[in-house]
PDB file of all heavy atoms in Angstrom:
ATOM      1  N   LYS A   1     -22.302 -13.351  -7.362  1.00  0.00           N
ATOM      2  CA  LYS A   1     -21.140 -12.711  -6.755  1.00  0.00           C
ATOM      3  C   LYS A   1     -20.633 -13.587  -5.480  1.00  0.00           C
ATOM      4  O   LYS A   1     -19.604 -13.759  -5.337  1.00  0.00           O
ATOM      5  CB  LYS A   1     -21.587 -11.268  -6.299  1.00  0.00           C
ATOM      6  CG  LYS A   1     -21.809 -10.378  -7.528  1.00  0.00           C
ATOM      7  CD  LYS A   1     -22.467  -9.080  -7.117  1.00  0.00           C
ATOM      8  CE  LYS A   1     -22.948  -8.259  -8.215  1.00  0.00           C
ATOM      9  NZ  LYS A   1     -23.434  -6.942  -7.872  1.00  0.00           N
ATOM     10  N   VAL A   2     -21.554 -14.130  -4.859  1.00  0.00           N
ATOM     11  CA  VAL A   2     -21.245 -14.993  -3.805  1.00  0.00           C
ATOM     12  C   VAL A   2     -20.484 -16.344  -4.297  1.00  0.00           C
ATOM     13  O   VAL A   2     -19.564 -16.756  -3.736  1.00  0.00           O
ATOM     14  CB  VAL A   2     -22.457 -15.561  -2.922  1.00  0.00           C
ATOM     15  CG1 VAL A   2     -22.115 -16.502  -1.886  1.00  0.00           C
ATOM     16  CG2 VAL A   2     -23.045 -14.317  -2.147  1.00  0.00           C
ATOM     17  N   ALA A   3     -20.973 -16.768  -5.405  1.00  0.00           N
ATOM     18  CA  ALA A   3     -20.325 -18.019  -6.053  1.00  0.00           C
ATOM     19  C   ALA A   3     -18.921 -17.713  -6.417  1.00  0.00           C
ATOM     20  O   ALA A   3     -18.003 -18.412  -6.258  1.00  0.00           O
ATOM     21  CB  ALA A   3     -21.222 -18.547  -7.140  1.00  0.00           C
ATOM     22  N   PHE A   4     -18.765 -16.405  -6.948  1.00  0.00           N
ATOM     23  CA  PHE A   4     -17.356 -15.990  -7.350  1.00  0.00           C
ATOM     24  C   PHE A   4     -16.527 -15.981  -6.259  1.00  0.00           C
ATOM     25  O   PHE A   4     -15.228 -16.338  -6.326  1.00  0.00           O
ATOM     26  CB  PHE A   4     -17.639 -14.721  -8.070  1.00  0.00           C
ATOM     27  CG  PHE A   4     -16.280 -14.119  -8.593  1.00  0.00           C
ATOM     28  CD1 PHE A   4     -15.645 -14.430  -9.766  1.00  0.00           C
ATOM     29  CD2 PHE A   4     -15.664 -13.058  -7.770  1.00  0.00           C
ATOM     30  CE1 PHE A   4     -14.488 -13.911 -10.166  1.00  0.00           C
ATOM     31  CE2 PHE A   4     -14.435 -12.474  -8.285  1.00  0.00           C
ATOM     32  CZ  PHE A   4     -13.866 -13.004  -9.407  1.00  0.00           C
ATOM     33  N   GLU A   5     -16.896 -15.316  -5.222  1.00  0.00           N
ATOM     34  CA  GLU A   5     -16.114 -15.084  -3.967  1.00  0.00           C
ATOM     35  C   GLU A   5     -15.785 -16.320  -3.187  1.00  0.00           C
ATOM     36  O   GLU A   5     -14.696 -16.421  -2.624  1.00  0.00           O
ATOM     37  CB  GLU A   5     -16.718 -13.978  -3.126  1.00  0.00           C
ATOM     38  CG  GLU A   5     -16.869 -12.626  -3.703  1.00  0.00           C
ATOM     39  CD  GLU A   5     -17.692 -11.617  -2.846  1.00  0.00           C
ATOM     40  OE1 GLU A   5     -17.994 -12.071  -1.622  1.00  0.00           O
ATOM     41  OE2 GLU A   5     -17.848 -10.533  -3.239  1.00  0.00           O
ATOM     42  N   SER A   6     -16.626 -17.302  -3.306  1.00  0.00           N
ATOM     43  CA  SER A   6     -16.476 -18.560  -2.464  1.00  0.00           C
ATOM     44  C   SER A   6     -15.628 -19.560  -3.445  1.00  0.00           C
ATOM     45  O   SER A   6     -15.103 -20.530  -2.708  1.00  0.00           O
ATOM     46  CB  SER A   6     -17.798 -19.136  -2.137  1.00  0.00           C
ATOM     47  OG  SER A   6     -18.510 -19.561  -3.251  1.00  0.00           O
ATOM     48  N   SER A   7     -15.420 -19.409  -4.601  1.00  0.00           N
ATOM     49  CA  SER A   7     -14.720 -20.263  -5.385  1.00  0.00           C
ATOM     50  C   SER A   7     -13.176 -20.221  -5.164  1.00  0.00           C
ATOM     51  O   SER A   7     -12.595 -18.971  -5.062  1.00  0.00           O
ATOM     52  CB  SER A   7     -15.115 -20.171  -6.862  1.00  0.00           C
ATOM     53  OG  SER A   7     -16.451 -20.457  -7.084  1.00  0.00           O
ATOM     54  N   ASP A   8     -12.436 -21.301  -5.311  1.00  0.00           N
ATOM     55  CA  ASP A   8     -11.044 -21.233  -5.087  1.00  0.00           C
ATOM     56  C   ASP A   8     -10.356 -20.650  -6.358  1.00  0.00           C
ATOM     57  O   ASP A   8      -9.341 -19.945  -6.245  1.00  0.00           O
ATOM     58  CB  ASP A   8     -10.521 -22.614  -4.950  1.00  0.00           C
ATOM     59  CG  ASP A   8     -11.171 -23.347  -3.696  1.00  0.00           C
ATOM     60  OD1 ASP A   8     -11.210 -22.600  -2.625  1.00  0.00           O
ATOM     61  OD2 ASP A   8     -11.485 -24.507  -3.759  1.00  0.00           O
ATOM     62  N   THR A   9     -10.788 -21.005  -7.461  1.00  0.00           N
ATOM     63  CA  THR A   9     -10.087 -20.890  -8.800  1.00  0.00           C
ATOM     64  C   THR A   9     -11.118 -20.336  -9.823  1.00  0.00           C
ATOM     65  O   THR A   9     -12.118 -20.814 -10.058  1.00  0.00           O
ATOM     66  CB  THR A   9      -9.300 -22.141  -9.272  1.00  0.00           C
ATOM     67  OG1 THR A   9      -8.480 -22.569  -8.312  1.00  0.00           O
ATOM     68  CG2 THR A   9      -8.593 -21.721 -10.516  1.00  0.00           C
ATOM     69  N   ILE A  10     -10.658 -19.289 -10.503  1.00  0.00           N
ATOM     70  CA  ILE A  10     -11.415 -18.712 -11.530  1.00  0.00           C
ATOM     71  C   ILE A  10     -10.774 -19.039 -12.846  1.00  0.00           C
ATOM     72  O   ILE A  10      -9.761 -18.683 -13.100  1.00  0.00           O
ATOM     73  CB  ILE A  10     -11.685 -17.114 -11.395  1.00  0.00           C
ATOM     74  CG1 ILE A  10     -11.891 -16.772  -9.948  1.00  0.00           C
ATOM     75  CG2 ILE A  10     -12.739 -16.680 -12.256  1.00  0.00           C
ATOM     76  CD1 ILE A  10     -13.057 -17.298  -9.331  1.00  0.00           C
ATOM     77  N   TYR A  11     -11.704 -19.520 -13.936  1.00  0.00           N
ATOM     78  CA  TYR A  11     -11.240 -19.875 -15.088  1.00  0.00           C
ATOM     79  C   TYR A  11     -11.864 -19.101 -16.272  1.00  0.00           C
ATOM     80  O   TYR A  11     -13.075 -18.873 -16.131  1.00  0.00           O
ATOM     81  CB  TYR A  11     -11.326 -21.399 -15.387  1.00  0.00           C
ATOM     82  CG  TYR A  11     -10.102 -22.125 -15.293  1.00  0.00           C
ATOM     83  CD1 TYR A  11      -9.559 -22.481 -14.001  1.00  0.00           C
ATOM     84  CD2 TYR A  11      -9.409 -22.702 -16.374  1.00  0.00           C
ATOM     85  CE1 TYR A  11      -8.378 -23.175 -13.853  1.00  0.00           C
ATOM     86  CE2 TYR A  11      -8.271 -23.424 -16.190  1.00  0.00           C
ATOM     87  CZ  TYR A  11      -7.701 -23.634 -14.922  1.00  0.00           C
ATOM     88  OH  TYR A  11      -6.571 -24.398 -14.875  1.00  0.00           O
ATOM     89  N   PHE A  12     -11.203 -18.735 -17.322  1.00  0.00           N
ATOM     90  CA  PHE A  12     -11.819 -17.960 -18.366  1.00  0.00           C
ATOM     91  C   PHE A  12     -11.445 -18.705 -19.716  1.00  0.00           C
ATOM     92  O   PHE A  12     -10.781 -19.703 -19.766  1.00  0.00           O
ATOM     93  CB  PHE A  12     -11.163 -16.515 -18.377  1.00  0.00           C
ATOM     94  CG  PHE A  12     -11.484 -15.701 -17.093  1.00  0.00           C
ATOM     95  CD1 PHE A  12     -10.553 -15.740 -16.033  1.00  0.00           C
ATOM     96  CD2 PHE A  12     -12.545 -14.951 -17.092  1.00  0.00           C
ATOM     97  CE1 PHE A  12     -10.648 -15.044 -15.000  1.00  0.00           C
ATOM     98  CE2 PHE A  12     -12.726 -14.373 -15.732  1.00  0.00           C
ATOM     99  CZ  PHE A  12     -11.886 -14.337 -14.829  1.00  0.00           C
ATOM    100  N   GLU A  13     -12.090 -18.239 -20.791  1.00  0.00           N
ATOM    101  CA  GLU A  13     -11.801 -18.782 -22.019  1.00  0.00           C
ATOM    102  C   GLU A  13     -10.402 -18.549 -22.291  1.00  0.00           C
ATOM    103  O   GLU A  13      -9.580 -19.425 -22.724  1.00  0.00           O
ATOM    104  CB  GLU A  13     -12.653 -18.103 -23.148  1.00  0.00           C
ATOM    105  CG  GLU A  13     -14.072 -18.448 -23.065  1.00  0.00           C
ATOM    106  CD  GLU A  13     -15.028 -17.729 -23.909  1.00  0.00           C
ATOM    107  OE1 GLU A  13     -14.469 -17.016 -24.830  1.00  0.00           O
ATOM    108  OE2 GLU A  13     -16.214 -17.891 -23.792  1.00  0.00           O
ATOM    109  N   LEU A  14      -9.832 -17.303 -22.174  1.00  0.00           N
ATOM    110  CA  LEU A  14      -8.499 -16.968 -22.389  1.00  0.00           C
ATOM    111  C   LEU A  14      -7.794 -16.220 -21.166  1.00  0.00           C
ATOM    112  O   LEU A  14      -8.646 -15.601 -20.465  1.00  0.00           O
ATOM    113  CB  LEU A  14      -8.336 -15.972 -23.581  1.00  0.00           C
ATOM    114  CG  LEU A  14      -8.467 -16.506 -24.954  1.00  0.00           C
ATOM    115  CD1 LEU A  14      -8.495 -15.421 -26.081  1.00  0.00           C
ATOM    116  CD2 LEU A  14      -7.603 -17.699 -25.327  1.00  0.00           C
ATOM    117  N   ASP A  15      -6.612 -16.243 -20.967  1.00  0.00           N
ATOM    118  CA  ASP A  15      -5.926 -15.462 -19.921  1.00  0.00           C
ATOM    119  C   ASP A  15      -5.917 -14.043 -20.238  1.00  0.00           C
ATOM    120  O   ASP A  15      -4.998 -13.601 -20.959  1.00  0.00           O
ATOM    121  CB  ASP A  15      -4.555 -16.003 -19.525  1.00  0.00           C
ATOM    122  CG  ASP A  15      -3.993 -15.474 -18.284  1.00  0.00           C
ATOM    123  OD1 ASP A  15      -4.471 -14.456 -17.795  1.00  0.00           O
ATOM    124  OD2 ASP A  15      -2.965 -16.005 -17.863  1.00  0.00           O
ATOM    125  N   LEU A  16      -6.903 -13.282 -19.776  1.00  0.00           N
ATOM    126  CA  LEU A  16      -6.987 -11.976 -20.142  1.00  0.00           C
ATOM    127  C   LEU A  16      -6.098 -10.904 -19.612  1.00  0.00           C
ATOM    128  O   LEU A  16      -5.974  -9.796 -20.080  1.00  0.00           O
ATOM    129  CB  LEU A  16      -8.506 -11.444 -19.879  1.00  0.00           C
ATOM    130  CG  LEU A  16      -9.526 -12.314 -20.454  1.00  0.00           C
ATOM    131  CD1 LEU A  16     -10.954 -11.833 -19.895  1.00  0.00           C
ATOM    132  CD2 LEU A  16      -9.482 -12.138 -21.941  1.00  0.00           C
ATOM    133  N   ILE A  17      -5.225 -11.291 -18.546  1.00  0.00           N
ATOM    134  CA  ILE A  17      -4.254 -10.330 -17.935  1.00  0.00           C
ATOM    135  C   ILE A  17      -2.878 -10.783 -18.199  1.00  0.00           C
ATOM    136  O   ILE A  17      -1.937 -10.173 -17.604  1.00  0.00           O
ATOM    137  CB  ILE A  17      -4.527 -10.336 -16.419  1.00  0.00           C
ATOM    138  CG1 ILE A  17      -4.602 -11.655 -15.672  1.00  0.00           C
ATOM    139  CG2 ILE A  17      -5.893  -9.512 -16.171  1.00  0.00           C
ATOM    140  CD1 ILE A  17      -4.867 -11.456 -14.299  1.00  0.00           C
ATOM    141  N   ASP A  18      -2.746 -11.769 -19.146  1.00  0.00           N
ATOM    142  CA  ASP A  18      -1.289 -12.202 -19.530  1.00  0.00           C
ATOM    143  C   ASP A  18      -1.009 -11.406 -20.770  1.00  0.00           C
ATOM    144  O   ASP A  18      -1.529 -11.505 -21.776  1.00  0.00           O
ATOM    145  CB  ASP A  18      -1.356 -13.705 -19.730  1.00  0.00           C
ATOM    146  CG  ASP A  18      -0.074 -14.175 -20.178  1.00  0.00           C
ATOM    147  OD1 ASP A  18       0.971 -13.490 -20.057  1.00  0.00           O
ATOM    148  OD2 ASP A  18       0.047 -15.393 -20.621  1.00  0.00           O
ATOM    149  N   PRO A  19       0.176 -10.668 -20.647  1.00  0.00           N
ATOM    150  CA  PRO A  19       0.592  -9.798 -21.757  1.00  0.00           C
ATOM    151  C   PRO A  19       0.997 -10.744 -23.019  1.00  0.00           C
ATOM    152  O   PRO A  19       0.782 -10.281 -24.043  1.00  0.00           O
ATOM    153  CB  PRO A  19       1.883  -9.242 -21.159  1.00  0.00           C
ATOM    154  CG  PRO A  19       1.733  -9.059 -19.782  1.00  0.00           C
ATOM    155  CD  PRO A  19       0.887 -10.379 -19.388  1.00  0.00           C
ATOM    156  N   LYS A  20       1.349 -11.976 -22.744  1.00  0.00           N
ATOM    157  CA  LYS A  20       1.684 -12.808 -23.785  1.00  0.00           C
ATOM    158  C   LYS A  20       0.370 -13.225 -24.677  1.00  0.00           C
ATOM    159  O   LYS A  20       0.413 -13.298 -25.856  1.00  0.00           O
ATOM    160  CB  LYS A  20       2.293 -14.148 -23.359  1.00  0.00           C
ATOM    161  CG  LYS A  20       2.741 -15.029 -24.436  1.00  0.00           C
ATOM    162  CD  LYS A  20       3.450 -16.266 -23.924  1.00  0.00           C
ATOM    163  CE  LYS A  20       3.932 -17.195 -24.966  1.00  0.00           C
ATOM    164  NZ  LYS A  20       4.347 -18.535 -24.456  1.00  0.00           N
ATOM    165  N   THR A  21      -0.705 -13.373 -23.923  1.00  0.00           N
ATOM    166  CA  THR A  21      -1.985 -13.540 -24.648  1.00  0.00           C
ATOM    167  C   THR A  21      -2.284 -12.381 -25.681  1.00  0.00           C
ATOM    168  O   THR A  21      -2.689 -12.739 -26.759  1.00  0.00           O
ATOM    169  CB  THR A  21      -3.130 -13.803 -23.614  1.00  0.00           C
ATOM    170  OG1 THR A  21      -2.895 -14.959 -22.709  1.00  0.00           O
ATOM    171  CG2 THR A  21      -4.345 -13.933 -24.234  1.00  0.00           C
ATOM    172  N   ILE A  22      -2.244 -11.220 -25.186  1.00  0.00           N
ATOM    173  CA  ILE A  22      -2.559 -10.109 -25.859  1.00  0.00           C
ATOM    174  C   ILE A  22      -1.695  -9.904 -27.054  1.00  0.00           C
ATOM    175  O   ILE A  22      -2.082  -9.730 -28.203  1.00  0.00           O
ATOM    176  CB  ILE A  22      -2.518  -8.736 -25.059  1.00  0.00           C
ATOM    177  CG1 ILE A  22      -3.355  -8.873 -23.746  1.00  0.00           C
ATOM    178  CG2 ILE A  22      -2.835  -7.477 -25.749  1.00  0.00           C
ATOM    179  CD1 ILE A  22      -4.708  -9.189 -23.938  1.00  0.00           C
ATOM    180  N   SER A  23      -0.295 -10.262 -26.773  1.00  0.00           N
ATOM    181  CA  SER A  23       0.612 -10.064 -27.958  1.00  0.00           C
ATOM    182  C   SER A  23       0.445 -11.109 -29.025  1.00  0.00           C
ATOM    183  O   SER A  23       0.404 -10.784 -30.214  1.00  0.00           O
ATOM    184  CB  SER A  23       2.250 -10.340 -27.311  1.00  0.00           C
ATOM    185  OG  SER A  23       3.011 -10.359 -28.392  1.00  0.00           O
ATOM    186  N   THR A  24       0.130 -12.390 -28.521  1.00  0.00           N
ATOM    187  CA  THR A  24      -0.098 -13.403 -29.532  1.00  0.00           C
ATOM    188  C   THR A  24      -1.353 -13.162 -30.348  1.00  0.00           C
ATOM    189  O   THR A  24      -1.494 -13.381 -31.479  1.00  0.00           O
ATOM    190  CB  THR A  24      -0.254 -14.771 -28.762  1.00  0.00           C
ATOM    191  OG1 THR A  24       0.788 -15.028 -27.929  1.00  0.00           O
ATOM    192  CG2 THR A  24      -0.535 -15.867 -29.660  1.00  0.00           C
ATOM    193  N   LEU A  25      -2.508 -12.653 -29.749  1.00  0.00           N
ATOM    194  CA  LEU A  25      -3.661 -12.264 -30.314  1.00  0.00           C
ATOM    195  C   LEU A  25      -3.451 -11.320 -31.350  1.00  0.00           C
ATOM    196  O   LEU A  25      -3.948 -11.353 -32.521  1.00  0.00           O
ATOM    197  CB  LEU A  25      -4.686 -11.817 -29.283  1.00  0.00           C
ATOM    198  CG  LEU A  25      -6.111 -11.424 -29.838  1.00  0.00           C
ATOM    199  CD1 LEU A  25      -6.745 -12.799 -30.420  1.00  0.00           C
ATOM    200  CD2 LEU A  25      -7.048 -11.063 -28.726  1.00  0.00           C
ATOM    201  N   SER A  26      -2.586 -10.250 -31.011  1.00  0.00           N
ATOM    202  CA  SER A  26      -2.349  -9.170 -32.012  1.00  0.00           C
ATOM    203  C   SER A  26      -1.566  -9.743 -33.190  1.00  0.00           C
ATOM    204  O   SER A  26      -1.901  -9.434 -34.349  1.00  0.00           O
ATOM    205  CB  SER A  26      -1.616  -8.037 -31.263  1.00  0.00           C
ATOM    206  OG  SER A  26      -1.154  -7.147 -32.152  1.00  0.00           O
ATOM    207  N   ASN A  27      -0.560 -10.578 -32.815  1.00  0.00           N
ATOM    208  CA  ASN A  27       0.291 -11.119 -34.007  1.00  0.00           C
ATOM    209  C   ASN A  27      -0.586 -12.028 -34.910  1.00  0.00           C
ATOM    210  O   ASN A  27      -0.293 -11.934 -36.108  1.00  0.00           O
ATOM    211  CB  ASN A  27       1.405 -11.979 -33.414  1.00  0.00           C
ATOM    212  CG  ASN A  27       2.396 -11.037 -32.808  1.00  0.00           C
ATOM    213  OD1 ASN A  27       2.562  -9.918 -32.976  1.00  0.00           O
ATOM    214  ND2 ASN A  27       3.168 -11.646 -31.870  1.00  0.00           N
ATOM    215  N   CYS A  28      -1.503 -12.691 -34.405  1.00  0.00           N
ATOM    216  CA  CYS A  28      -2.320 -13.642 -35.335  1.00  0.00           C
ATOM    217  C   CYS A  28      -3.283 -12.841 -36.290  1.00  0.00           C
ATOM    218  O   CYS A  28      -3.670 -13.349 -37.214  1.00  0.00           O
ATOM    219  CB  CYS A  28      -3.035 -14.723 -34.483  1.00  0.00           C
ATOM    220  SG  CYS A  28      -4.702 -14.176 -34.074  1.00  0.00           S
ATOM    221  N   GLN A  29      -3.449 -11.515 -35.981  1.00  0.00           N
ATOM    222  CA  GLN A  29      -4.315 -10.757 -36.731  1.00  0.00           C
ATOM    223  C   GLN A  29      -3.623 -10.247 -37.972  1.00  0.00           C
ATOM    224  O   GLN A  29      -4.225  -9.665 -38.922  1.00  0.00           O
ATOM    225  CB  GLN A  29      -4.923  -9.630 -35.846  1.00  0.00           C
ATOM    226  CG  GLN A  29      -5.755 -10.111 -34.768  1.00  0.00           C
ATOM    227  CD  GLN A  29      -6.398  -8.908 -34.003  1.00  0.00           C
ATOM    228  OE1 GLN A  29      -6.376  -7.722 -34.401  1.00  0.00           O
ATOM    229  NE2 GLN A  29      -6.951  -9.230 -32.737  1.00  0.00           N
ATOM    230  N   MET A  30      -2.358 -10.228 -37.951  1.00  0.00           N
ATOM    231  CA  MET A  30      -1.482  -9.424 -38.908  1.00  0.00           C
ATOM    232  C   MET A  30      -1.309 -10.233 -40.291  1.00  0.00           C
ATOM    233  O   MET A  30      -1.156 -11.499 -40.240  1.00  0.00           O
ATOM    234  CB  MET A  30      -0.207  -9.095 -38.376  1.00  0.00           C
ATOM    235  CG  MET A  30      -0.223  -8.151 -37.219  1.00  0.00           C
ATOM    236  SD  MET A  30      -0.895  -6.577 -37.696  1.00  0.00           S
ATOM    237  CE  MET A  30      -1.308  -5.910 -36.068  1.00  0.00           C
ATOM    238  N   LEU A  31      -1.281  -9.638 -41.338  1.00  0.00           N
ATOM    239  CA  LEU A  31      -0.923 -10.159 -42.616  1.00  0.00           C
ATOM    240  C   LEU A  31       0.563 -10.627 -42.591  1.00  0.00           C
ATOM    241  O   LEU A  31       1.343 -10.248 -41.765  1.00  0.00           O
ATOM    242  CB  LEU A  31      -1.070  -9.121 -43.685  1.00  0.00           C
ATOM    243  CG  LEU A  31      -2.494  -8.809 -44.149  1.00  0.00           C
ATOM    244  CD1 LEU A  31      -2.594  -7.530 -44.977  1.00  0.00           C
ATOM    245  CD2 LEU A  31      -3.132  -9.893 -44.908  1.00  0.00           C
ATOM    246  N   PRO A  32       0.893 -11.601 -43.454  1.00  0.00           N
ATOM    247  CA  PRO A  32       2.229 -11.979 -43.624  1.00  0.00           C
ATOM    248  C   PRO A  32       3.259 -10.785 -43.807  1.00  0.00           C
ATOM    249  O   PRO A  32       2.858  -9.810 -44.260  1.00  0.00           O
ATOM    250  CB  PRO A  32       2.348 -12.860 -44.825  1.00  0.00           C
ATOM    251  CG  PRO A  32       0.862 -13.380 -45.041  1.00  0.00           C
ATOM    252  CD  PRO A  32       0.068 -12.185 -44.523  1.00  0.00           C
ATOM    253  N   GLN A  33       4.479 -10.998 -43.235  1.00  0.00           N
ATOM    254  CA  GLN A  33       5.435  -9.914 -43.327  1.00  0.00           C
ATOM    255  C   GLN A  33       5.618  -9.331 -44.753  1.00  0.00           C
ATOM    256  O   GLN A  33       5.607 -10.092 -45.623  1.00  0.00           O
ATOM    257  CB  GLN A  33       6.827 -10.511 -42.899  1.00  0.00           C
ATOM    258  CG  GLN A  33       7.954  -9.375 -42.560  1.00  0.00           C
ATOM    259  CD  GLN A  33       7.572  -8.457 -41.417  1.00  0.00           C
ATOM    260  OE1 GLN A  33       6.849  -8.829 -40.410  1.00  0.00           O
ATOM    261  NE2 GLN A  33       7.828  -7.125 -41.555  1.00  0.00           N
TER     262      GLN A  33
END
């Protein structure tokens, strides 16, 4: 927790709070139209 709080920038595998990420993830799961 100290390391998290003292770090300038936090990186994740995916941007979990970006609506575009969620939308793209949902679309890629779908069968062709």
